[in-house]
Amino acid sequence: MASFEDALQDNRVPGRLGDVRLRYDGGRLVGESLPPPWDRRALPSLCVGVGLGCAVGAALLVGMREGAGPAAALGLLAAALVGLALKLEAHVGRRRFVLHFRSESLRLERLTWAPGATHAELVPFDAVRAVHMVERPGPRYALVVEYAPDAAEGPLRRAVLVEHIRATEGETLHRVWRLLSNAFGLRGAGLAGG
């Protein structure tokens, strides 16, 4: 009997779905979100730069006789800009998921610009409870995996695998949903190729 991995090699994986590039790489299905546009990547850095300028201005004003009020205002503005930069950076981070067929595990990664700040979680296929197609405003769709974080019973976690799927990608969305559902051994998906 052919394995799921063999069936995946026979049925070509789509190159892209929503904001994710997909590829099959020697026993692994890899999905990685595309980098955000340059303006969204540059905005957090711009906020930090302006915030640092405000902090330097505040430090210079502190030594002046009547500079305490403006220095405090610039200090608050600097703190607000750095906070805004951190909030924007949280939305710029990229995602990656890797299905390892040999070890039957799903690796979920949240990639960030800071070295060592990447968050990764390894989920056994048996812990996955569902793969959902979620409708977003626009209309757009997302593929979300629901899994039990530990062997013990408890609240389920959700992780977004693919976001920003256009309505025109409906056939590809269903195909990838079936592929993931079959990989995790979930019922009701039908055959991955059909």
N, C-alpha and C. Protein backbone atom coordinates (compact mmCIF):
# COMPACT_ATOMS: atom_id res chain seq x y z
N MET A 1 0.85 -1.19 0.00
CA MET A 1 0.00 0.00 0.00
C MET A 1 0.88 1.24 0.00
N ALA A 2 0.56 2.22 -0.82
CA ALA A 2 1.36 3.44 -0.95
C ALA A 2 1.17 4.32 0.28
N SER A 3 2.22 5.01 0.67
CA SER A 3 2.15 5.91 1.81
C SER A 3 1.60 7.27 1.39
N PHE A 4 1.26 8.07 2.38
CA PHE A 4 0.77 9.41 2.08
C PHE A 4 1.87 10.22 1.40
N GLU A 5 3.10 10.01 1.80
CA GLU A 5 4.23 10.72 1.19
C GLU A 5 4.35 10.39 -0.29
N ASP A 6 4.14 9.13 -0.67
CA ASP A 6 4.16 8.74 -2.08
C ASP A 6 3.02 9.42 -2.84
N ALA A 7 1.84 9.48 -2.23
CA ALA A 7 0.70 10.14 -2.87
C ALA A 7 0.97 11.62 -3.05
N LEU A 8 1.67 12.22 -2.10
CA LEU A 8 2.00 13.64 -2.21
C LEU A 8 2.97 13.89 -3.36
N GLN A 9 3.90 12.98 -3.57
CA GLN A 9 4.84 13.14 -4.68
C GLN A 9 4.12 13.01 -6.02
N ASP A 10 3.09 12.17 -6.08
CA ASP A 10 2.33 11.99 -7.32
C ASP A 10 1.41 13.18 -7.60
N ASN A 11 0.86 13.80 -6.56
CA ASN A 11 -0.02 14.96 -6.69
C ASN A 11 0.77 16.21 -6.35
N ARG A 12 1.12 16.97 -7.34
CA ARG A 12 1.97 18.13 -7.15
C ARG A 12 1.36 19.14 -6.17
N VAL A 13 2.19 19.65 -5.28
CA VAL A 13 1.78 20.66 -4.32
C VAL A 13 1.71 22.01 -5.03
N PRO A 14 0.63 22.80 -4.82
CA PRO A 14 0.59 24.12 -5.45
C PRO A 14 1.74 24.98 -4.92
N GLY A 15 2.26 25.83 -5.78
CA GLY A 15 3.41 26.65 -5.40
C GLY A 15 3.08 27.75 -4.41
N ARG A 16 1.83 28.20 -4.43
CA ARG A 16 1.46 29.30 -3.55
C ARG A 16 -0.01 29.22 -3.21
N LEU A 17 -0.34 29.60 -1.98
CA LEU A 17 -1.71 29.73 -1.53
C LEU A 17 -1.76 30.89 -0.56
N GLY A 18 -2.59 31.89 -0.85
CA GLY A 18 -2.68 33.06 0.04
C GLY A 18 -1.34 33.73 0.19
N ASP A 19 -0.92 33.91 1.44
CA ASP A 19 0.35 34.57 1.72
C ASP A 19 1.50 33.59 1.95
N VAL A 20 1.33 32.34 1.51
CA VAL A 20 2.32 31.29 1.79
C VAL A 20 2.82 30.65 0.50
N ARG A 21 4.13 30.45 0.45
CA ARG A 21 4.74 29.63 -0.61
C ARG A 21 4.83 28.21 -0.08
N LEU A 22 4.43 27.25 -0.90
CA LEU A 22 4.46 25.84 -0.52
C LEU A 22 5.47 25.10 -1.38
N ARG A 23 6.16 24.14 -0.76
CA ARG A 23 7.07 23.29 -1.52
C ARG A 23 7.23 21.96 -0.80
N TYR A 24 7.45 20.94 -1.59
CA TYR A 24 7.73 19.61 -1.05
C TYR A 24 9.22 19.40 -1.13
N ASP A 25 9.84 19.07 0.00
CA ASP A 25 11.29 18.97 0.06
C ASP A 25 11.69 17.71 0.82
N GLY A 26 11.89 16.61 0.10
CA GLY A 26 12.39 15.37 0.67
C GLY A 26 11.76 14.92 1.97
N GLY A 27 10.52 14.54 1.95
CA GLY A 27 9.86 14.04 3.15
C GLY A 27 9.23 15.14 3.99
N ARG A 28 9.25 16.36 3.50
CA ARG A 28 8.68 17.48 4.25
C ARG A 28 7.86 18.37 3.32
N LEU A 29 6.73 18.84 3.83
CA LEU A 29 5.95 19.87 3.15
C LEU A 29 6.21 21.16 3.91
N VAL A 30 6.76 22.15 3.21
CA VAL A 30 7.15 23.41 3.85
C VAL A 30 6.25 24.52 3.33
N GLY A 31 5.69 25.29 4.25
CA GLY A 31 4.91 26.47 3.91
C GLY A 31 5.50 27.66 4.65
N GLU A 32 5.85 28.70 3.89
CA GLU A 32 6.47 29.88 4.51
C GLU A 32 5.77 31.13 3.99
N SER A 33 5.37 31.99 4.92
CA SER A 33 4.69 33.22 4.51
C SER A 33 5.66 34.13 3.76
N LEU A 34 5.10 34.87 2.83
CA LEU A 34 5.88 35.80 2.03
C LEU A 34 6.28 37.00 2.88
N PRO A 35 7.41 37.63 2.56
CA PRO A 35 7.78 38.83 3.33
C PRO A 35 6.76 39.94 3.08
N PRO A 36 6.49 40.75 4.09
CA PRO A 36 5.56 41.85 3.90
C PRO A 36 6.17 42.90 2.98
N PRO A 37 5.34 43.80 2.43
CA PRO A 37 5.87 44.86 1.56
C PRO A 37 6.91 45.71 2.31
N TRP A 38 7.81 46.34 1.55
CA TRP A 38 8.92 47.08 2.16
C TRP A 38 8.45 48.19 3.09
N ASP A 39 7.32 48.83 2.79
CA ASP A 39 6.85 49.91 3.65
C ASP A 39 6.42 49.39 5.02
N ARG A 40 5.81 48.22 5.07
CA ARG A 40 5.43 47.63 6.37
C ARG A 40 6.65 47.15 7.14
N ARG A 41 7.72 46.73 6.44
CA ARG A 41 8.95 46.32 7.11
C ARG A 41 9.71 47.53 7.63
N ALA A 42 9.66 48.67 6.92
CA ALA A 42 10.44 49.85 7.28
C ALA A 42 9.77 50.68 8.37
N LEU A 43 8.45 50.60 8.50
CA LEU A 43 7.74 51.46 9.45
C LEU A 43 8.18 51.27 10.90
N PRO A 44 8.36 50.05 11.41
CA PRO A 44 8.85 49.92 12.80
C PRO A 44 10.23 50.56 13.00
N SER A 45 11.12 50.39 12.03
CA SER A 45 12.45 51.00 12.15
C SER A 45 12.35 52.52 12.14
N LEU A 46 11.48 53.05 11.31
CA LEU A 46 11.27 54.50 11.26
C LEU A 46 10.77 55.02 12.60
N CYS A 47 9.82 54.31 13.20
CA CYS A 47 9.30 54.72 14.51
C CYS A 47 10.39 54.70 15.57
N VAL A 48 11.24 53.69 15.56
CA VAL A 48 12.33 53.62 16.52
C VAL A 48 13.32 54.76 16.28
N GLY A 49 13.64 55.04 15.03
CA GLY A 49 14.56 56.14 14.72
C GLY A 49 14.05 57.49 15.19
N VAL A 50 12.78 57.78 14.91
CA VAL A 50 12.20 59.04 15.36
C VAL A 50 12.11 59.07 16.88
N GLY A 51 11.79 57.92 17.49
CA GLY A 51 11.75 57.84 18.96
C GLY A 51 13.11 58.12 19.58
N LEU A 52 14.17 57.59 18.97
CA LEU A 52 15.52 57.87 19.48
C LEU A 52 15.86 59.35 19.33
N GLY A 53 15.45 59.95 18.22
CA GLY A 53 15.66 61.38 18.04
C GLY A 53 14.94 62.19 19.10
N CYS A 54 13.71 61.80 19.43
CA CYS A 54 12.96 62.48 20.49
C CYS A 54 13.65 62.30 21.85
N ALA A 55 14.19 61.11 22.10
CA ALA A 55 14.89 60.86 23.36
C ALA A 55 16.14 61.72 23.48
N VAL A 56 16.89 61.87 22.39
CA VAL A 56 18.08 62.72 22.40
C VAL A 56 17.66 64.17 22.62
N GLY A 57 16.60 64.62 21.94
CA GLY A 57 16.10 65.98 22.15
C GLY A 57 15.67 66.20 23.58
N ALA A 58 15.02 65.23 24.18
CA ALA A 58 14.60 65.35 25.58
C ALA A 58 15.80 65.44 26.49
N ALA A 59 16.84 64.65 26.22
CA ALA A 59 18.06 64.70 27.05
C ALA A 59 18.74 66.07 26.95
N LEU A 60 18.74 66.68 25.78
CA LEU A 60 19.34 68.00 25.61
C LEU A 60 18.53 69.08 26.32
N LEU A 61 17.21 68.94 26.30
CA LEU A 61 16.34 69.94 26.93
C LEU A 61 16.36 69.87 28.45
N VAL A 62 16.70 68.73 29.02
CA VAL A 62 16.69 68.58 30.47
C VAL A 62 17.66 69.56 31.11
N GLY A 63 18.82 69.82 30.49
CA GLY A 63 19.82 70.73 31.05
C GLY A 63 19.43 72.20 30.97
N MET A 64 18.44 72.54 30.19
CA MET A 64 18.03 73.93 30.04
C MET A 64 17.10 74.34 31.19
N ARG A 65 17.08 75.65 31.47
CA ARG A 65 16.32 76.19 32.60
C ARG A 65 14.82 75.90 32.48
N GLU A 66 14.22 76.16 31.33
CA GLU A 66 12.77 75.97 31.17
C GLU A 66 12.46 74.80 30.23
N GLY A 67 13.33 73.81 30.21
CA GLY A 67 13.17 72.70 29.28
C GLY A 67 12.54 71.46 29.87
N ALA A 68 12.14 71.49 31.15
CA ALA A 68 11.60 70.28 31.79
C ALA A 68 10.28 69.83 31.16
N GLY A 69 9.39 70.78 30.88
CA GLY A 69 8.09 70.43 30.28
C GLY A 69 8.24 69.84 28.89
N PRO A 70 8.94 70.55 27.99
CA PRO A 70 9.14 69.97 26.66
C PRO A 70 9.95 68.67 26.68
N ALA A 71 10.89 68.56 27.61
CA ALA A 71 11.69 67.33 27.71
C ALA A 71 10.79 66.16 28.10
N ALA A 72 9.87 66.38 29.04
CA ALA A 72 8.95 65.31 29.45
C ALA A 72 8.04 64.92 28.28
N ALA A 73 7.57 65.91 27.52
CA ALA A 73 6.70 65.62 26.38
C ALA A 73 7.46 64.82 25.31
N LEU A 74 8.71 65.21 25.05
CA LEU A 74 9.51 64.45 24.07
C LEU A 74 9.81 63.05 24.58
N GLY A 75 10.05 62.91 25.87
CA GLY A 75 10.30 61.58 26.45
C GLY A 75 9.10 60.67 26.31
N LEU A 76 7.90 61.23 26.56
CA LEU A 76 6.67 60.44 26.40
C LEU A 76 6.44 60.07 24.93
N LEU A 77 6.71 61.02 24.05
CA LEU A 77 6.56 60.75 22.62
C LEU A 77 7.53 59.64 22.19
N ALA A 78 8.77 59.69 22.71
CA ALA A 78 9.76 58.65 22.37
C ALA A 78 9.27 57.28 22.83
N ALA A 79 8.76 57.22 24.06
CA ALA A 79 8.26 55.94 24.58
C ALA A 79 7.08 55.43 23.76
N ALA A 80 6.18 56.36 23.37
CA ALA A 80 5.01 55.96 22.57
C ALA A 80 5.44 55.44 21.20
N LEU A 81 6.43 56.08 20.59
CA LEU A 81 6.90 55.63 19.28
C LEU A 81 7.57 54.26 19.34
N VAL A 82 8.33 54.01 20.40
CA VAL A 82 8.96 52.69 20.55
C VAL A 82 7.88 51.63 20.79
N GLY A 83 6.85 51.95 21.58
CA GLY A 83 5.74 51.03 21.79
C GLY A 83 5.00 50.74 20.49
N LEU A 84 4.77 51.78 19.69
CA LEU A 84 4.13 51.60 18.39
C LEU A 84 4.99 50.72 17.48
N ALA A 85 6.30 50.92 17.52
CA ALA A 85 7.20 50.10 16.70
C ALA A 85 7.11 48.63 17.10
N LEU A 86 7.04 48.35 18.39
CA LEU A 86 6.92 46.96 18.85
C LEU A 86 5.59 46.35 18.41
N LYS A 87 4.53 47.15 18.47
CA LYS A 87 3.22 46.65 18.04
C LYS A 87 3.22 46.37 16.54
N LEU A 88 3.79 47.28 15.76
CA LEU A 88 3.87 47.07 14.31
C LEU A 88 4.74 45.87 13.97
N GLU A 89 5.83 45.69 14.69
CA GLU A 89 6.74 44.57 14.44
C GLU A 89 6.05 43.24 14.69
N ALA A 90 5.15 43.20 15.66
CA ALA A 90 4.43 41.96 15.94
C ALA A 90 3.57 41.53 14.76
N HIS A 91 3.09 42.49 13.98
CA HIS A 91 2.26 42.17 12.82
C HIS A 91 3.08 41.89 11.57
N VAL A 92 4.36 42.23 11.59
CA VAL A 92 5.22 42.04 10.43
C VAL A 92 5.87 40.66 10.43
N GLY A 93 5.92 40.01 11.58
CA GLY A 93 6.57 38.70 11.68
C GLY A 93 6.03 37.69 10.68
N ARG A 94 6.89 36.79 10.27
CA ARG A 94 6.51 35.78 9.29
C ARG A 94 6.24 34.45 9.98
N ARG A 95 5.51 33.58 9.27
CA ARG A 95 5.17 32.25 9.77
C ARG A 95 5.79 31.19 8.87
N ARG A 96 6.08 30.06 9.46
CA ARG A 96 6.51 28.90 8.68
C ARG A 96 5.93 27.66 9.35
N PHE A 97 5.49 26.72 8.52
CA PHE A 97 5.10 25.42 9.06
C PHE A 97 5.77 24.35 8.21
N VAL A 98 6.12 23.26 8.87
CA VAL A 98 6.79 22.15 8.20
C VAL A 98 6.12 20.86 8.66
N LEU A 99 5.59 20.09 7.70
CA LEU A 99 5.06 18.77 8.00
C LEU A 99 6.16 17.76 7.74
N HIS A 100 6.64 17.11 8.80
CA HIS A 100 7.66 16.06 8.68
C HIS A 100 6.91 14.73 8.62
N PHE A 101 6.91 14.10 7.45
CA PHE A 101 6.13 12.88 7.30
C PHE A 101 6.80 11.69 7.97
N ARG A 102 8.11 11.64 7.99
CA ARG A 102 8.80 10.50 8.63
C ARG A 102 8.58 10.49 10.14
N SER A 103 8.69 11.66 10.77
CA SER A 103 8.50 11.71 12.22
C SER A 103 7.04 12.00 12.60
N GLU A 104 6.17 12.20 11.59
CA GLU A 104 4.76 12.50 11.79
C GLU A 104 4.58 13.64 12.79
N SER A 105 5.21 14.77 12.45
CA SER A 105 5.10 15.94 13.31
C SER A 105 4.94 17.21 12.46
N LEU A 106 4.32 18.19 13.07
CA LEU A 106 4.12 19.50 12.47
C LEU A 106 4.92 20.50 13.27
N ARG A 107 5.81 21.21 12.60
CA ARG A 107 6.60 22.25 13.26
C ARG A 107 6.01 23.60 12.89
N LEU A 108 5.60 24.35 13.91
CA LEU A 108 5.04 25.69 13.73
C LEU A 108 6.08 26.70 14.17
N GLU A 109 6.39 27.66 13.32
CA GLU A 109 7.40 28.66 13.65
C GLU A 109 6.84 30.05 13.42
N ARG A 110 7.19 30.94 14.32
CA ARG A 110 6.90 32.38 14.18
C ARG A 110 8.25 33.07 14.06
N LEU A 111 8.56 33.55 12.86
CA LEU A 111 9.86 34.14 12.58
C LEU A 111 9.84 35.63 12.90
N THR A 112 10.89 36.10 13.56
CA THR A 112 11.01 37.51 13.89
C THR A 112 12.36 38.04 13.44
N TRP A 113 12.51 39.35 13.43
CA TRP A 113 13.76 39.95 13.00
C TRP A 113 14.86 39.80 14.03
N ALA A 114 14.49 39.69 15.30
CA ALA A 114 15.50 39.61 16.36
C ALA A 114 16.09 38.20 16.43
N PRO A 115 17.44 38.06 16.44
CA PRO A 115 18.05 36.74 16.54
C PRO A 115 17.66 36.07 17.86
N GLY A 116 17.31 34.81 17.78
CA GLY A 116 16.95 34.05 18.96
C GLY A 116 15.52 34.27 19.43
N ALA A 117 14.77 35.15 18.76
CA ALA A 117 13.40 35.43 19.18
C ALA A 117 12.38 34.59 18.42
N THR A 118 12.83 33.77 17.49
CA THR A 118 11.92 32.92 16.74
C THR A 118 11.30 31.89 17.68
N HIS A 119 10.00 31.77 17.59
CA HIS A 119 9.26 30.83 18.43
C HIS A 119 8.90 29.61 17.59
N ALA A 120 9.22 28.43 18.09
CA ALA A 120 8.91 27.19 17.36
C ALA A 120 8.22 26.21 18.30
N GLU A 121 7.29 25.45 17.74
CA GLU A 121 6.57 24.44 18.51
C GLU A 121 6.43 23.18 17.64
N LEU A 122 6.66 22.03 18.22
CA LEU A 122 6.55 20.76 17.52
C LEU A 122 5.26 20.06 17.98
N VAL A 123 4.40 19.75 17.02
CA VAL A 123 3.10 19.15 17.31
C VAL A 123 3.02 17.80 16.62
N PRO A 124 2.83 16.71 17.35
CA PRO A 124 2.64 15.41 16.70
C PRO A 124 1.35 15.39 15.89
N PHE A 125 1.36 14.66 14.78
CA PHE A 125 0.16 14.56 13.94
C PHE A 125 -1.05 14.12 14.77
N ASP A 126 -0.84 13.20 15.73
CA ASP A 126 -1.95 12.69 16.54
C ASP A 126 -2.58 13.77 17.41
N ALA A 127 -1.86 14.86 17.69
CA ALA A 127 -2.40 15.93 18.54
C ALA A 127 -3.29 16.90 17.75
N VAL A 128 -3.23 16.83 16.42
CA VAL A 128 -4.05 17.73 15.60
C VAL A 128 -5.49 17.23 15.60
N ARG A 129 -6.40 18.12 15.97
CA ARG A 129 -7.81 17.75 16.06
C ARG A 129 -8.61 18.18 14.83
N ALA A 130 -8.19 19.28 14.17
CA ALA A 130 -8.96 19.77 13.02
C ALA A 130 -8.13 20.74 12.21
N VAL A 131 -8.49 20.85 10.93
CA VAL A 131 -7.97 21.90 10.05
C VAL A 131 -9.20 22.65 9.56
N HIS A 132 -9.25 23.94 9.88
CA HIS A 132 -10.43 24.75 9.56
C HIS A 132 -10.14 25.71 8.41
N MET A 133 -11.15 25.90 7.54
CA MET A 133 -11.14 26.97 6.56
C MET A 133 -11.97 28.08 7.18
N VAL A 134 -11.33 29.17 7.54
CA VAL A 134 -11.98 30.27 8.26
C VAL A 134 -12.18 31.44 7.31
N GLU A 135 -13.42 31.97 7.28
CA GLU A 135 -13.70 33.12 6.43
C GLU A 135 -13.31 34.40 7.17
N ARG A 136 -12.60 35.27 6.47
CA ARG A 136 -12.17 36.56 7.00
C ARG A 136 -12.91 37.66 6.24
N PRO A 137 -12.94 38.89 6.78
CA PRO A 137 -13.56 39.99 6.03
C PRO A 137 -12.84 40.22 4.71
N GLY A 138 -13.58 40.58 3.71
CA GLY A 138 -12.91 40.94 2.47
C GLY A 138 -13.55 40.47 1.20
N PRO A 139 -14.05 39.36 0.90
CA PRO A 139 -13.92 38.09 1.63
C PRO A 139 -12.58 37.42 1.36
N ARG A 140 -11.96 37.01 2.38
CA ARG A 140 -10.71 36.26 2.31
C ARG A 140 -10.86 35.07 3.24
N TYR A 141 -9.94 34.14 3.12
CA TYR A 141 -10.00 32.93 3.93
C TYR A 141 -8.65 32.66 4.57
N ALA A 142 -8.66 31.78 5.57
CA ALA A 142 -7.44 31.36 6.24
C ALA A 142 -7.55 29.86 6.52
N LEU A 143 -6.41 29.20 6.58
CA LEU A 143 -6.34 27.80 7.02
C LEU A 143 -5.76 27.81 8.43
N VAL A 144 -6.52 27.24 9.35
CA VAL A 144 -6.14 27.25 10.76
C VAL A 144 -6.12 25.81 11.25
N VAL A 145 -5.05 25.44 11.95
CA VAL A 145 -4.96 24.11 12.53
C VAL A 145 -5.28 24.21 14.02
N GLU A 146 -6.06 23.24 14.50
CA GLU A 146 -6.44 23.18 15.91
C GLU A 146 -5.81 21.93 16.51
N TYR A 147 -5.11 22.09 17.65
CA TYR A 147 -4.37 20.97 18.21
C TYR A 147 -4.35 21.02 19.73
N ALA A 148 -4.10 19.86 20.32
CA ALA A 148 -3.96 19.75 21.76
C ALA A 148 -2.48 19.95 22.10
N PRO A 149 -2.15 20.95 22.93
CA PRO A 149 -0.74 21.24 23.19
C PRO A 149 0.00 20.14 23.93
N ASP A 150 -0.68 19.41 24.79
CA ASP A 150 -0.04 18.33 25.56
C ASP A 150 -0.85 17.06 25.38
N ALA A 151 -0.28 15.97 25.89
CA ALA A 151 -1.00 14.70 25.83
C ALA A 151 -2.25 14.74 26.72
N ALA A 152 -2.21 15.56 27.75
CA ALA A 152 -3.34 15.66 28.67
C ALA A 152 -4.50 16.42 28.00
N GLU A 153 -5.69 16.13 28.43
CA GLU A 153 -6.85 16.84 27.92
C GLU A 153 -6.82 18.26 28.47
N GLY A 154 -7.19 19.20 27.66
CA GLY A 154 -7.19 20.61 28.06
C GLY A 154 -7.67 21.45 26.91
N PRO A 155 -7.54 22.76 27.05
CA PRO A 155 -8.00 23.63 25.96
C PRO A 155 -7.14 23.45 24.71
N LEU A 156 -7.81 23.51 23.57
CA LEU A 156 -7.11 23.36 22.30
C LEU A 156 -6.50 24.69 21.89
N ARG A 157 -5.38 24.62 21.19
CA ARG A 157 -4.74 25.81 20.63
C ARG A 157 -5.02 25.87 19.14
N ARG A 158 -4.91 27.07 18.61
CA ARG A 158 -5.09 27.28 17.18
C ARG A 158 -3.87 28.01 16.64
N ALA A 159 -3.47 27.65 15.43
CA ALA A 159 -2.36 28.31 14.76
C ALA A 159 -2.74 28.54 13.31
N VAL A 160 -2.48 29.74 12.83
CA VAL A 160 -2.75 30.07 11.43
C VAL A 160 -1.62 29.51 10.58
N LEU A 161 -1.98 28.70 9.59
CA LEU A 161 -1.00 28.18 8.64
C LEU A 161 -0.92 29.08 7.41
N VAL A 162 -2.09 29.44 6.87
CA VAL A 162 -2.15 30.27 5.67
C VAL A 162 -3.18 31.37 5.90
N GLU A 163 -2.82 32.59 5.53
CA GLU A 163 -3.70 33.74 5.69
C GLU A 163 -3.87 34.42 4.33
N HIS A 164 -4.85 35.30 4.20
CA HIS A 164 -5.08 36.12 3.00
C HIS A 164 -5.34 35.30 1.75
N ILE A 165 -6.14 34.25 1.86
CA ILE A 165 -6.50 33.43 0.70
C ILE A 165 -7.67 34.10 0.00
N ARG A 166 -7.50 34.42 -1.26
CA ARG A 166 -8.54 35.09 -2.04
C ARG A 166 -9.64 34.10 -2.44
N ALA A 167 -10.82 34.62 -2.70
CA ALA A 167 -11.95 33.78 -3.10
C ALA A 167 -11.65 33.05 -4.41
N THR A 168 -10.81 33.63 -5.26
CA THR A 168 -10.45 33.00 -6.53
C THR A 168 -9.55 31.78 -6.35
N GLU A 169 -8.99 31.61 -5.16
CA GLU A 169 -8.13 30.46 -4.88
C GLU A 169 -8.89 29.32 -4.20
N GLY A 170 -10.21 29.31 -4.36
CA GLY A 170 -11.06 28.32 -3.68
C GLY A 170 -10.69 26.88 -3.97
N GLU A 171 -10.40 26.56 -5.22
CA GLU A 171 -10.05 25.17 -5.57
C GLU A 171 -8.73 24.76 -4.91
N THR A 172 -7.75 25.64 -4.94
CA THR A 172 -6.45 25.36 -4.31
C THR A 172 -6.61 25.26 -2.80
N LEU A 173 -7.45 26.12 -2.22
CA LEU A 173 -7.71 26.07 -0.78
C LEU A 173 -8.27 24.71 -0.38
N HIS A 174 -9.27 24.22 -1.11
CA HIS A 174 -9.85 22.92 -0.78
C HIS A 174 -8.84 21.79 -0.97
N ARG A 175 -8.02 21.91 -2.00
CA ARG A 175 -7.01 20.88 -2.25
C ARG A 175 -5.98 20.81 -1.11
N VAL A 176 -5.51 21.97 -0.66
CA VAL A 176 -4.53 21.98 0.44
C VAL A 176 -5.20 21.57 1.74
N TRP A 177 -6.45 21.97 1.96
CA TRP A 177 -7.18 21.54 3.16
C TRP A 177 -7.30 20.02 3.21
N ARG A 178 -7.66 19.40 2.07
CA ARG A 178 -7.75 17.94 2.01
C ARG A 178 -6.39 17.30 2.25
N LEU A 179 -5.37 17.86 1.65
CA LEU A 179 -4.01 17.33 1.81
C LEU A 179 -3.61 17.34 3.29
N LEU A 180 -3.83 18.47 3.97
CA LEU A 180 -3.47 18.57 5.39
C LEU A 180 -4.33 17.64 6.25
N SER A 181 -5.62 17.60 5.97
CA SER A 181 -6.51 16.73 6.75
C SER A 181 -6.10 15.27 6.60
N ASN A 182 -5.76 14.85 5.38
CA ASN A 182 -5.32 13.47 5.17
C ASN A 182 -3.98 13.21 5.84
N ALA A 183 -3.08 14.17 5.80
CA ALA A 183 -1.77 13.99 6.45
C ALA A 183 -1.94 13.77 7.94
N PHE A 184 -2.86 14.50 8.57
CA PHE A 184 -3.07 14.37 10.01
C PHE A 184 -3.99 13.20 10.37
N GLY A 185 -4.54 12.53 9.35
CA GLY A 185 -5.41 11.38 9.61
C GLY A 185 -6.80 11.78 10.07
N LEU A 186 -7.26 12.95 9.68
CA LEU A 186 -8.59 13.42 10.08
C LEU A 186 -9.64 12.87 9.14
N ARG A 187 -10.80 12.59 9.65
CA ARG A 187 -11.88 12.02 8.84
C ARG A 187 -12.65 13.13 8.14
N GLY A 188 -13.29 12.75 7.02
CA GLY A 188 -14.18 13.67 6.33
C GLY A 188 -13.55 14.51 5.25
N ALA A 189 -12.27 14.32 4.96
CA ALA A 189 -11.61 15.14 3.95
C ALA A 189 -11.68 14.51 2.57
N GLY A 190 -11.97 13.25 2.47
CA GLY A 190 -11.92 12.58 1.17
C GLY A 190 -10.49 12.29 0.80
N LEU A 191 -10.28 11.85 -0.41
CA LEU A 191 -8.93 11.55 -0.87
C LEU A 191 -8.21 12.83 -1.25
N ALA A 192 -6.91 12.90 -0.95
CA ALA A 192 -6.13 14.11 -1.22
C ALA A 192 -6.13 14.46 -2.70
N GLY A 193 -6.19 13.48 -3.57
CA GLY A 193 -6.14 13.76 -4.99
C GLY A 193 -7.49 14.03 -5.60
N GLY A 194 -8.58 13.74 -4.90
CA GLY A 194 -9.89 13.84 -5.52
C GLY A 194 -10.80 14.84 -4.95
